[in-house]
Structures are given as C-alpha cells and as structure tokens.
C-alpha cells in the first residue's frame, strides 16, 4: 500500500496532466479526490481563523486556492496539512 504522500503526488500529477490535456472531467475527479483527503483539515483551519458564517467563506476560499494550487503549481505536494493551514 503506498504511503499518503505518494497518493497525494499521484493525484496531483494526474489532475495536472488531465487539465493540460483538456480533460477537465478527469482533472476535476483527481482534484476532488485529493480535496476529500484533506477536507476535514480545511474545515478545522477555517474554524481557527473565522467565526460564524465567515467560516463558510473561508472554507470556500481554501477550496479555490487548493484547486488552483493543484492545477497550476509545479511542485509536488509534501505537506498538504501545512499547505491547507497556510491557505486559510
């Protein structure tokens, strides 16, 4: 069984390759699978930095930043929890 970081790298590379190839459905599936792995961390991060209804706004912004990072950055993921916290 591959370790978590290997799974993250594979999903990220798959999403980026599909996006570059114009296969947006495959890109979205890979990015969504990666997001699901860290969604709970994003929820916790949004709770740390915002209160009430603002939490949903922060969570939405994290999701957008996360997706843009997956599609457009060149580096492989190393510390996704740290990245999520930084995005918050």
N, C-alpha and C. Protein backbone atom coordinates (compact mmCIF):
# COMPACT_ATOMS: atom_id res chain seq x y z
N UNK A 1 0.84 -1.18 0.00
CA UNK A 1 0.00 0.00 0.00
C UNK A 1 0.89 1.25 0.00
N UNK A 2 0.67 2.17 -0.93
CA UNK A 2 1.50 3.37 -0.98
C UNK A 2 1.24 4.29 0.21
N UNK A 3 2.26 5.07 0.58
CA UNK A 3 2.06 5.99 1.69
C UNK A 3 1.23 7.19 1.23
N UNK A 4 0.77 7.97 2.20
CA UNK A 4 -0.12 9.10 1.89
C UNK A 4 0.51 10.11 0.94
N UNK A 5 1.77 10.41 1.13
CA UNK A 5 2.40 11.42 0.27
C UNK A 5 2.50 10.92 -1.17
N UNK A 6 2.72 9.62 -1.36
CA UNK A 6 2.77 9.07 -2.72
C UNK A 6 1.40 9.17 -3.38
N UNK A 7 0.34 8.95 -2.62
CA UNK A 7 -1.02 9.08 -3.15
C UNK A 7 -1.28 10.54 -3.53
N UNK A 8 -0.88 11.47 -2.66
CA UNK A 8 -1.06 12.90 -2.95
C UNK A 8 -0.33 13.30 -4.23
N UNK A 9 0.90 12.84 -4.37
CA UNK A 9 1.69 13.16 -5.56
C UNK A 9 1.01 12.59 -6.81
N UNK A 10 0.56 11.36 -6.74
CA UNK A 10 -0.08 10.73 -7.89
C UNK A 10 -1.36 11.47 -8.29
N UNK A 11 -2.19 11.80 -7.31
CA UNK A 11 -3.43 12.51 -7.61
C UNK A 11 -3.15 13.89 -8.20
N UNK A 12 -2.16 14.57 -7.66
CA UNK A 12 -1.79 15.89 -8.16
C UNK A 12 -1.29 15.81 -9.59
N UNK A 13 -0.41 14.87 -9.85
CA UNK A 13 0.13 14.72 -11.21
C UNK A 13 -0.97 14.33 -12.20
N UNK A 14 -1.88 13.46 -11.76
CA UNK A 14 -2.99 13.07 -12.63
C UNK A 14 -3.88 14.26 -12.96
N UNK A 15 -4.20 15.06 -11.94
CA UNK A 15 -5.05 16.23 -12.15
C UNK A 15 -4.38 17.22 -13.09
N UNK A 16 -3.10 17.48 -12.90
CA UNK A 16 -2.39 18.43 -13.74
C UNK A 16 -2.28 17.95 -15.18
N UNK A 17 -1.98 16.68 -15.35
CA UNK A 17 -1.86 16.12 -16.71
C UNK A 17 -3.20 16.18 -17.43
N UNK A 18 -4.26 15.81 -16.74
CA UNK A 18 -5.59 15.84 -17.36
C UNK A 18 -5.98 17.28 -17.70
N UNK A 19 -5.68 18.22 -16.81
CA UNK A 19 -6.01 19.63 -17.07
C UNK A 19 -5.27 20.13 -18.30
N UNK A 20 -3.97 19.83 -18.38
CA UNK A 20 -3.18 20.26 -19.55
C UNK A 20 -3.68 19.62 -20.84
N UNK A 21 -4.17 18.39 -20.74
CA UNK A 21 -4.67 17.68 -21.91
C UNK A 21 -6.08 18.12 -22.30
N UNK A 22 -6.70 18.95 -21.46
CA UNK A 22 -8.04 19.42 -21.74
C UNK A 22 -9.14 18.49 -21.27
N UNK A 23 -8.78 17.45 -20.51
CA UNK A 23 -9.77 16.51 -19.97
C UNK A 23 -10.20 17.02 -18.60
N UNK A 24 -11.09 18.00 -18.60
CA UNK A 24 -11.47 18.66 -17.36
C UNK A 24 -12.22 17.75 -16.40
N UNK A 25 -12.97 16.79 -16.93
CA UNK A 25 -13.67 15.85 -16.05
C UNK A 25 -12.67 15.01 -15.25
N UNK A 26 -11.65 14.48 -15.92
CA UNK A 26 -10.64 13.69 -15.22
C UNK A 26 -9.85 14.56 -14.25
N UNK A 27 -9.56 15.80 -14.65
CA UNK A 27 -8.84 16.72 -13.77
C UNK A 27 -9.65 16.99 -12.50
N UNK A 28 -10.94 17.24 -12.69
CA UNK A 28 -11.81 17.50 -11.53
C UNK A 28 -11.92 16.29 -10.62
N UNK A 29 -12.00 15.10 -11.20
CA UNK A 29 -12.10 13.89 -10.37
C UNK A 29 -10.85 13.71 -9.51
N UNK A 30 -9.68 13.88 -10.10
CA UNK A 30 -8.43 13.72 -9.34
C UNK A 30 -8.29 14.80 -8.28
N UNK A 31 -8.61 16.06 -8.65
CA UNK A 31 -8.52 17.15 -7.68
C UNK A 31 -9.53 16.96 -6.56
N UNK A 32 -10.72 16.49 -6.89
CA UNK A 32 -11.75 16.26 -5.87
C UNK A 32 -11.35 15.13 -4.92
N UNK A 33 -10.73 14.10 -5.45
CA UNK A 33 -10.27 13.01 -4.59
C UNK A 33 -9.19 13.52 -3.62
N UNK A 34 -8.31 14.35 -4.13
CA UNK A 34 -7.28 14.94 -3.26
C UNK A 34 -7.91 15.85 -2.22
N UNK A 35 -8.87 16.67 -2.64
CA UNK A 35 -9.57 17.55 -1.70
C UNK A 35 -10.25 16.74 -0.59
N UNK A 36 -10.90 15.65 -0.96
CA UNK A 36 -11.59 14.83 0.05
C UNK A 36 -10.64 14.28 1.09
N UNK A 37 -9.40 14.04 0.69
CA UNK A 37 -8.40 13.56 1.65
C UNK A 37 -8.08 14.62 2.71
N UNK A 38 -8.27 15.91 2.38
CA UNK A 38 -7.88 17.00 3.27
C UNK A 38 -9.02 17.94 3.63
N UNK A 39 -10.22 17.60 3.26
CA UNK A 39 -11.36 18.47 3.52
C UNK A 39 -11.55 18.72 5.02
N UNK A 40 -11.40 17.69 5.83
CA UNK A 40 -11.56 17.87 7.28
C UNK A 40 -10.53 18.85 7.82
N UNK A 41 -9.31 18.77 7.33
CA UNK A 41 -8.27 19.72 7.76
C UNK A 41 -8.64 21.13 7.35
N UNK A 42 -9.22 21.28 6.15
CA UNK A 42 -9.65 22.61 5.68
C UNK A 42 -10.77 23.15 6.56
N UNK A 43 -11.69 22.30 6.97
CA UNK A 43 -12.77 22.72 7.87
C UNK A 43 -12.19 23.20 9.19
N UNK A 44 -11.26 22.44 9.73
CA UNK A 44 -10.64 22.83 11.01
C UNK A 44 -9.86 24.14 10.86
N UNK A 45 -9.16 24.31 9.76
CA UNK A 45 -8.41 25.54 9.53
C UNK A 45 -9.35 26.73 9.42
N UNK A 46 -10.48 26.55 8.74
CA UNK A 46 -11.43 27.66 8.62
C UNK A 46 -12.02 28.03 9.98
N UNK A 47 -12.20 27.05 10.84
CA UNK A 47 -12.72 27.31 12.19
C UNK A 47 -11.71 28.08 13.04
N UNK A 48 -10.43 27.85 12.78
CA UNK A 48 -9.40 28.55 13.56
C UNK A 48 -9.30 30.01 13.20
N UNK A 49 -9.61 30.36 11.95
CA UNK A 49 -9.38 31.75 11.52
C UNK A 49 -10.65 32.57 11.39
N UNK A 50 -11.82 31.95 11.50
CA UNK A 50 -13.06 32.71 11.31
C UNK A 50 -14.14 32.21 12.26
N UNK A 51 -15.14 33.05 12.44
CA UNK A 51 -16.28 32.73 13.30
C UNK A 51 -17.56 32.79 12.50
N UNK A 52 -18.55 32.05 12.95
CA UNK A 52 -19.89 32.12 12.37
C UNK A 52 -19.92 31.85 10.88
N UNK A 53 -20.69 32.66 10.18
CA UNK A 53 -20.89 32.48 8.74
C UNK A 53 -19.61 32.70 7.94
N UNK A 54 -18.67 33.44 8.50
CA UNK A 54 -17.41 33.67 7.80
C UNK A 54 -16.64 32.38 7.58
N UNK A 55 -16.88 31.38 8.41
CA UNK A 55 -16.19 30.09 8.25
C UNK A 55 -16.46 29.50 6.87
N UNK A 56 -17.71 29.59 6.42
CA UNK A 56 -18.05 29.05 5.10
C UNK A 56 -17.31 29.80 4.00
N UNK A 57 -17.20 31.12 4.16
CA UNK A 57 -16.46 31.91 3.17
C UNK A 57 -14.99 31.51 3.14
N UNK A 58 -14.41 31.34 4.32
CA UNK A 58 -13.00 30.94 4.40
C UNK A 58 -12.81 29.56 3.80
N UNK A 59 -13.72 28.64 4.12
CA UNK A 59 -13.62 27.29 3.57
C UNK A 59 -13.72 27.33 2.04
N UNK A 60 -14.62 28.14 1.51
CA UNK A 60 -14.73 28.28 0.07
C UNK A 60 -13.46 28.82 -0.56
N UNK A 61 -12.86 29.80 0.10
CA UNK A 61 -11.60 30.37 -0.40
C UNK A 61 -10.47 29.35 -0.36
N UNK A 62 -10.43 28.55 0.70
CA UNK A 62 -9.42 27.50 0.78
C UNK A 62 -9.62 26.52 -0.38
N UNK A 63 -10.86 26.16 -0.65
CA UNK A 63 -11.14 25.24 -1.75
C UNK A 63 -10.69 25.78 -3.09
N UNK A 64 -10.92 27.06 -3.32
CA UNK A 64 -10.49 27.69 -4.58
C UNK A 64 -8.97 27.72 -4.66
N UNK A 65 -8.33 28.14 -3.59
CA UNK A 65 -6.86 28.19 -3.58
C UNK A 65 -6.27 26.80 -3.77
N UNK A 66 -6.87 25.83 -3.12
CA UNK A 66 -6.41 24.44 -3.22
C UNK A 66 -6.50 23.97 -4.68
N UNK A 67 -7.62 24.21 -5.31
CA UNK A 67 -7.82 23.78 -6.70
C UNK A 67 -6.83 24.47 -7.63
N UNK A 68 -6.66 25.76 -7.45
CA UNK A 68 -5.69 26.49 -8.27
C UNK A 68 -4.28 25.96 -8.05
N UNK A 69 -3.95 25.64 -6.80
CA UNK A 69 -2.63 25.08 -6.50
C UNK A 69 -2.46 23.75 -7.23
N UNK A 70 -3.45 22.90 -7.17
CA UNK A 70 -3.36 21.59 -7.82
C UNK A 70 -3.13 21.75 -9.31
N UNK A 71 -3.89 22.61 -9.97
CA UNK A 71 -3.81 22.73 -11.42
C UNK A 71 -2.60 23.51 -11.92
N UNK A 72 -2.18 24.53 -11.19
CA UNK A 72 -1.23 25.49 -11.77
C UNK A 72 0.15 25.53 -11.14
N UNK A 73 0.36 24.93 -10.00
CA UNK A 73 1.70 24.96 -9.40
C UNK A 73 2.53 23.82 -9.97
N UNK A 74 3.83 23.95 -9.88
CA UNK A 74 4.71 22.92 -10.45
C UNK A 74 5.26 21.95 -9.41
N UNK A 75 5.24 22.33 -8.15
CA UNK A 75 5.86 21.46 -7.16
C UNK A 75 4.90 20.35 -6.73
N UNK A 76 5.49 19.24 -6.32
CA UNK A 76 4.71 18.13 -5.79
C UNK A 76 4.30 18.44 -4.35
N UNK A 77 3.18 17.89 -3.93
CA UNK A 77 2.76 18.12 -2.55
C UNK A 77 3.70 17.40 -1.58
N UNK A 78 4.06 18.10 -0.52
CA UNK A 78 4.90 17.49 0.51
C UNK A 78 4.21 17.49 1.85
N UNK A 79 3.60 18.61 2.18
CA UNK A 79 2.92 18.75 3.47
C UNK A 79 1.57 19.40 3.22
N UNK A 80 0.60 18.58 2.87
CA UNK A 80 -0.70 19.11 2.50
C UNK A 80 -1.40 19.79 3.68
N UNK A 81 -1.23 19.27 4.86
CA UNK A 81 -1.85 19.89 6.03
C UNK A 81 -1.28 21.29 6.24
N UNK A 82 0.02 21.43 6.14
CA UNK A 82 0.64 22.75 6.25
C UNK A 82 0.19 23.69 5.15
N UNK A 83 0.04 23.17 3.94
CA UNK A 83 -0.42 23.98 2.82
C UNK A 83 -1.85 24.47 3.07
N UNK A 84 -2.72 23.60 3.54
CA UNK A 84 -4.10 23.97 3.84
C UNK A 84 -4.12 25.06 4.91
N UNK A 85 -3.33 24.88 5.96
CA UNK A 85 -3.29 25.88 7.02
C UNK A 85 -2.78 27.21 6.51
N UNK A 86 -1.80 27.17 5.63
CA UNK A 86 -1.27 28.40 5.05
C UNK A 86 -2.33 29.08 4.18
N UNK A 87 -3.10 28.31 3.46
CA UNK A 87 -4.15 28.86 2.60
C UNK A 87 -5.24 29.55 3.42
N UNK A 88 -5.48 29.06 4.63
CA UNK A 88 -6.51 29.66 5.49
C UNK A 88 -6.06 31.03 5.94
